[in-house]
Amino acid sequence: MKKRISRILIRIFFFLLRVLPDFLQAKLAEFTSLLFYRLSAKHRVLMKVHLRRAFKDKYSDEELERIAYRSILNLVMSMFEFMKFPTYSNEDIVRMVEVEGAENIENARKAGKGVILTSAHFGSWELLAARIVSLGHPLTAVGRMQEDSLVNEYIIKL
């Protein structure tokens, strides 16, 4: 049942992201994030435990709440961008992602060497990968299989 609901929600969001203007997509991301944050007490508590462990007493409980919510919002916005990949042109990706140091990749390739790039898993790292490919460089990404095979196939396709 959980997979069925996930698949239905993904299809709804995919459709909405293709037809809604950007400002309404941002509102939908805010609504979705707030809904998830409020309804998923287990994840909310776990996030606060991890944030407290990472930051000790640097932030108040209220500040950790804001950080946790903003993290969820960032994740949802990244997911929305990822779901919109089929609508992006190469020009869109170039406009959205600024690259510094691309000459280092080019120099290594001209010297007949491979390049290993690593990236933190925050923000829209998928857009970064698309931008690397837009520069004409081949790319292989490593990820874990998703529990839902339909979602997994969709991610690989994108």
C-alpha atoms as a PDB file:
ATOM      1  CA  MET A   1       0.000   0.000   0.000  1.00  0.00           C
ATOM      2  CA  LYS A   2       2.866   2.380   0.864  1.00  0.00           C
ATOM      3  CA  LYS A   3       4.463   1.847  -2.561  1.00  0.00           C
ATOM      4  CA  ARG A   4       1.152   2.422  -4.304  1.00  0.00           C
ATOM      5  CA  ILE A   5       0.636   5.725  -2.487  1.00  0.00           C
ATOM      6  CA  SER A   6       4.232   6.759  -3.258  1.00  0.00           C
ATOM      7  CA  ARG A   7       3.753   6.038  -6.948  1.00  0.00           C
ATOM      8  CA  ILE A   8       0.502   7.989  -7.092  1.00  0.00           C
ATOM      9  CA  LEU A   9       2.087  10.970  -5.317  1.00  0.00           C
ATOM     10  CA  ILE A  10       5.100  10.890  -7.632  1.00  0.00           C
ATOM     11  CA  ARG A  11       2.855  10.942 -10.696  1.00  0.00           C
ATOM     12  CA  ILE A  12       0.801  13.822  -9.272  1.00  0.00           C
ATOM     13  CA  PHE A  13       3.915  15.844  -8.429  1.00  0.00           C
ATOM     14  CA  PHE A  14       5.504  15.073 -11.791  1.00  0.00           C
ATOM     15  CA  PHE A  15       2.401  16.383 -13.572  1.00  0.00           C
ATOM     16  CA  LEU A  16       2.118  19.475 -11.348  1.00  0.00           C
ATOM     17  CA  LEU A  17       5.788  20.346 -11.775  1.00  0.00           C
ATOM     18  CA  ARG A  18       5.391  20.350 -15.536  1.00  0.00           C
ATOM     19  CA  VAL A  19       2.365  22.662 -15.558  1.00  0.00           C
ATOM     20  CA  LEU A  20       2.803  24.955 -12.546  1.00  0.00           C
ATOM     21  CA  PRO A  21       4.763  28.196 -12.830  1.00  0.00           C
ATOM     22  CA  ASP A  22       7.935  28.447 -10.713  1.00  0.00           C
ATOM     23  CA  PHE A  23       6.400  30.585  -7.961  1.00  0.00           C
ATOM     24  CA  LEU A  24       3.595  28.024  -7.446  1.00  0.00           C
ATOM     25  CA  GLN A  25       6.128  25.204  -7.448  1.00  0.00           C
ATOM     26  CA  ALA A  26       7.938  26.982  -4.614  1.00  0.00           C
ATOM     27  CA  LYS A  27       4.643  27.219  -2.708  1.00  0.00           C
ATOM     28  CA  LEU A  28       3.974  23.519  -3.344  1.00  0.00           C
ATOM     29  CA  ALA A  29       7.472  22.701  -2.050  1.00  0.00           C
ATOM     30  CA  GLU A  30       6.821  24.725   1.108  1.00  0.00           C
ATOM     31  CA  PHE A  31       3.452  23.025   1.654  1.00  0.00           C
ATOM     32  CA  THR A  32       4.879  19.540   1.013  1.00  0.00           C
ATOM     33  CA  SER A  33       7.822  20.183   3.346  1.00  0.00           C
ATOM     34  CA  LEU A  34       5.636  21.503   6.133  1.00  0.00           C
ATOM     35  CA  LEU A  35       3.228  18.587   5.746  1.00  0.00           C
ATOM     36  CA  PHE A  36       6.057  16.031   5.879  1.00  0.00           C
ATOM     37  CA  TYR A  37       7.722  17.794   8.798  1.00  0.00           C
ATOM     38  CA  ARG A  38       4.515  17.964  10.828  1.00  0.00           C
ATOM     39  CA  LEU A  39       3.256  14.451  10.025  1.00  0.00           C
ATOM     40  CA  SER A  40       6.532  12.566  10.369  1.00  0.00           C
ATOM     41  CA  ALA A  41       7.322  12.848  14.055  1.00  0.00           C
ATOM     42  CA  LYS A  42       9.812   9.971  13.829  1.00  0.00           C
ATOM     43  CA  HIS A  43      11.945  11.771  11.221  1.00  0.00           C
ATOM     44  CA  ARG A  44      11.577  15.121  12.960  1.00  0.00           C
ATOM     45  CA  VAL A  45      12.852  13.700  16.265  1.00  0.00           C
ATOM     46  CA  LEU A  46      15.685  11.843  14.552  1.00  0.00           C
ATOM     47  CA  MET A  47      16.777  14.997  12.726  1.00  0.00           C
ATOM     48  CA  LYS A  48      16.852  16.980  15.961  1.00  0.00           C
ATOM     49  CA  VAL A  49      18.854  14.253  17.710  1.00  0.00           C
ATOM     50  CA  HIS A  50      21.412  14.277  14.888  1.00  0.00           C
ATOM     51  CA  LEU A  51      21.561  18.070  14.788  1.00  0.00           C
ATOM     52  CA  ARG A  52      22.047  18.238  18.564  1.00  0.00           C
ATOM     53  CA  ARG A  53      24.829  15.661  18.301  1.00  0.00           C
ATOM     54  CA  ALA A  54      26.503  17.654  15.522  1.00  0.00           C
ATOM     55  CA  PHE A  55      26.137  21.122  17.036  1.00  0.00           C
ATOM     56  CA  LYS A  56      26.125  20.348  20.769  1.00  0.00           C
ATOM     57  CA  ASP A  57      24.868  23.497  22.528  1.00  0.00           C
ATOM     58  CA  LYS A  58      25.627  25.928  19.712  1.00  0.00           C
ATOM     59  CA  TYR A  59      21.930  26.301  18.782  1.00  0.00           C
ATOM     60  CA  SER A  60      18.723  26.457  20.796  1.00  0.00           C
ATOM     61  CA  ASP A  61      15.966  23.887  20.304  1.00  0.00           C
ATOM     62  CA  GLU A  62      14.017  26.474  18.285  1.00  0.00           C
ATOM     63  CA  GLU A  63      17.002  27.084  16.009  1.00  0.00           C
ATOM     64  CA  LEU A  64      17.439  23.336  15.504  1.00  0.00           C
ATOM     65  CA  GLU A  65      13.743  23.135  14.566  1.00  0.00           C
ATOM     66  CA  ARG A  66      14.309  25.795  11.881  1.00  0.00           C
ATOM     67  CA  ILE A  67      17.429  24.036  10.598  1.00  0.00           C
ATOM     68  CA  ALA A  68      15.577  20.704  10.439  1.00  0.00           C
ATOM     69  CA  TYR A  69      12.628  22.226   8.587  1.00  0.00           C
ATOM     70  CA  ARG A  70      14.900  24.101   6.151  1.00  0.00           C
ATOM     71  CA  SER A  71      16.740  20.821   5.485  1.00  0.00           C
ATOM     72  CA  ILE A  72      13.447  19.149   4.554  1.00  0.00           C
ATOM     73  CA  LEU A  73      12.508  22.126   2.363  1.00  0.00           C
ATOM     74  CA  ASN A  74      15.877  21.944   0.607  1.00  0.00           C
ATOM     75  CA  LEU A  75      15.416  18.212   0.018  1.00  0.00           C
ATOM     76  CA  VAL A  76      11.916  18.691  -1.408  1.00  0.00           C
ATOM     77  CA  MET A  77      13.040  21.529  -3.666  1.00  0.00           C
ATOM     78  CA  SER A  78      15.929  19.368  -4.923  1.00  0.00           C
ATOM     79  CA  MET A  79      13.518  16.500  -5.582  1.00  0.00           C
ATOM     80  CA  PHE A  80      11.238  18.852  -7.514  1.00  0.00           C
ATOM     81  CA  GLU A  81      14.166  20.054  -9.634  1.00  0.00           C
ATOM     82  CA  PHE A  82      15.190  16.455 -10.251  1.00  0.00           C
ATOM     83  CA  MET A  83      11.662  15.509 -11.320  1.00  0.00           C
ATOM     84  CA  LYS A  84      11.710  18.402 -13.796  1.00  0.00           C
ATOM     85  CA  PHE A  85      14.917  17.207 -15.497  1.00  0.00           C
ATOM     86  CA  PRO A  86      13.091  16.120 -18.684  1.00  0.00           C
ATOM     87  CA  THR A  87      11.895  19.713 -19.162  1.00  0.00           C
ATOM     88  CA  TYR A  88      15.358  21.316 -18.858  1.00  0.00           C
ATOM     89  CA  SER A  89      17.337  22.245 -21.929  1.00  0.00           C
ATOM     90  CA  ASN A  90      21.119  22.280 -21.949  1.00  0.00           C
ATOM     91  CA  GLU A  91      20.889  26.093 -21.764  1.00  0.00           C
ATOM     92  CA  ASP A  92      18.746  25.816 -18.615  1.00  0.00           C
ATOM     93  CA  ILE A  93      21.348  23.624 -16.927  1.00  0.00           C
ATOM     94  CA  VAL A  94      24.193  25.955 -17.934  1.00  0.00           C
ATOM     95  CA  ARG A  95      22.212  28.899 -16.516  1.00  0.00           C
ATOM     96  CA  MET A  96      21.400  27.073 -13.268  1.00  0.00           C
ATOM     97  CA  VAL A  97      24.885  25.738 -12.410  1.00  0.00           C
ATOM     98  CA  GLU A  98      28.037  27.817 -12.279  1.00  0.00           C
ATOM     99  CA  VAL A  99      31.239  25.814 -12.719  1.00  0.00           C
ATOM    100  CA  GLU A 100      34.631  26.857 -11.391  1.00  0.00           C
ATOM    101  CA  GLY A 101      37.757  24.894 -12.235  1.00  0.00           C
ATOM    102  CA  ALA A 102      36.395  23.059 -15.285  1.00  0.00           C
ATOM    103  CA  GLU A 103      39.794  23.574 -16.905  1.00  0.00           C
ATOM    104  CA  ASN A 104      41.240  21.074 -14.406  1.00  0.00           C
ATOM    105  CA  ILE A 105      38.981  18.332 -15.754  1.00  0.00           C
ATOM    106  CA  GLU A 106      39.823  19.296 -19.333  1.00  0.00           C
ATOM    107  CA  ASN A 107      43.580  19.341 -18.633  1.00  0.00           C
ATOM    108  CA  ALA A 108      43.453  15.900 -17.020  1.00  0.00           C
ATOM    109  CA  ARG A 109      41.493  14.482 -19.949  1.00  0.00           C
ATOM    110  CA  LYS A 110      43.905  16.015 -22.487  1.00  0.00           C
ATOM    111  CA  ALA A 111      46.747  14.359 -20.574  1.00  0.00           C
ATOM    112  CA  GLY A 112      44.960  11.021 -20.978  1.00  0.00           C
ATOM    113  CA  LYS A 113      44.020  10.787 -17.316  1.00  0.00           C
ATOM    114  CA  GLY A 114      40.696  10.045 -15.740  1.00  0.00           C
ATOM    115  CA  VAL A 115      39.085  12.246 -13.130  1.00  0.00           C
ATOM    116  CA  ILE A 116      37.274  11.274  -9.970  1.00  0.00           C
ATOM    117  CA  LEU A 117      34.903  13.937  -8.704  1.00  0.00           C
ATOM    118  CA  THR A 118      33.314  13.748  -5.296  1.00  0.00           C
ATOM    119  CA  SER A 119      30.457  15.831  -4.014  1.00  0.00           C
ATOM    120  CA  ALA A 120      28.579  16.205  -0.791  1.00  0.00           C
ATOM    121  CA  HIS A 121      25.007  14.960  -0.853  1.00  0.00           C
ATOM    122  CA  PHE A 122      23.237  18.262  -0.393  1.00  0.00           C
ATOM    123  CA  GLY A 123      21.645  20.730  -2.715  1.00  0.00           C
ATOM    124  CA  SER A 124      20.944  19.636  -6.233  1.00  0.00           C
ATOM    125  CA  TRP A 125      24.012  17.525  -6.869  1.00  0.00           C
ATOM    126  CA  GLU A 126      22.108  15.911  -9.759  1.00  0.00           C
ATOM    127  CA  LEU A 127      22.173  19.273 -11.543  1.00  0.00           C
ATOM    128  CA  LEU A 128      25.922  19.382 -11.002  1.00  0.00           C
ATOM    129  CA  ALA A 129      26.235  16.003 -12.725  1.00  0.00           C
ATOM    130  CA  ALA A 130      24.104  17.226 -15.625  1.00  0.00           C
ATOM    131  CA  ARG A 131      26.315  20.313 -15.877  1.00  0.00           C
ATOM    132  CA  ILE A 132      29.491  18.183 -16.028  1.00  0.00           C
ATOM    133  CA  VAL A 133      27.932  16.204 -18.884  1.00  0.00           C
ATOM    134  CA  SER A 134      26.960  19.483 -20.612  1.00  0.00           C
ATOM    135  CA  LEU A 135      30.677  20.332 -20.706  1.00  0.00           C
ATOM    136  CA  GLY A 136      31.196  17.224 -22.855  1.00  0.00           C
ATOM    137  CA  HIS A 137      32.623  14.950 -20.182  1.00  0.00           C
ATOM    138  CA  PRO A 138      31.399  11.384 -19.703  1.00  0.00           C
ATOM    139  CA  LEU A 139      30.084  10.676 -16.234  1.00  0.00           C
ATOM    140  CA  THR A 140      29.221   7.640 -14.165  1.00  0.00           C
ATOM    141  CA  ALA A 141      27.344   8.152 -10.898  1.00  0.00           C
ATOM    142  CA  VAL A 142      27.164   5.743  -7.981  1.00  0.00           C
ATOM    143  CA  GLY A 143      23.999   5.426  -5.931  1.00  0.00           C
ATOM    144  CA  ARG A 144      21.997   2.958  -3.947  1.00  0.00           C
ATOM    145  CA  MET A 145      18.952   1.110  -5.199  1.00  0.00           C
ATOM    146  CA  GLN A 146      15.635   2.555  -4.093  1.00  0.00           C
ATOM    147  CA  GLU A 147      13.143   0.333  -2.295  1.00  0.00           C
ATOM    148  CA  ASP A 148      10.466   0.982  -4.909  1.00  0.00           C
ATOM    149  CA  SER A 149      11.566  -0.463  -8.263  1.00  0.00           C
ATOM    150  CA  LEU A 150       9.456   2.044 -10.232  1.00  0.00           C
ATOM    151  CA  VAL A 151      11.101   4.966  -8.427  1.00  0.00           C
ATOM    152  CA  ASN A 152      14.515   3.362  -8.951  1.00  0.00           C
ATOM    153  CA  GLU A 153      13.922   2.958 -12.695  1.00  0.00           C
ATOM    154  CA  TYR A 154      12.701   6.557 -12.939  1.00  0.00           C
ATOM    155  CA  ILE A 155      15.823   7.881 -11.200  1.00  0.00           C
ATOM    156  CA  ILE A 156      18.138   5.869 -13.437  1.00  0.00           C
ATOM    157  CA  LYS A 157      16.277   7.068 -16.536  1.00  0.00           C
ATOM    158  CA  LEU A 158      16.615  10.699 -15.509  1.00  0.00           C
END
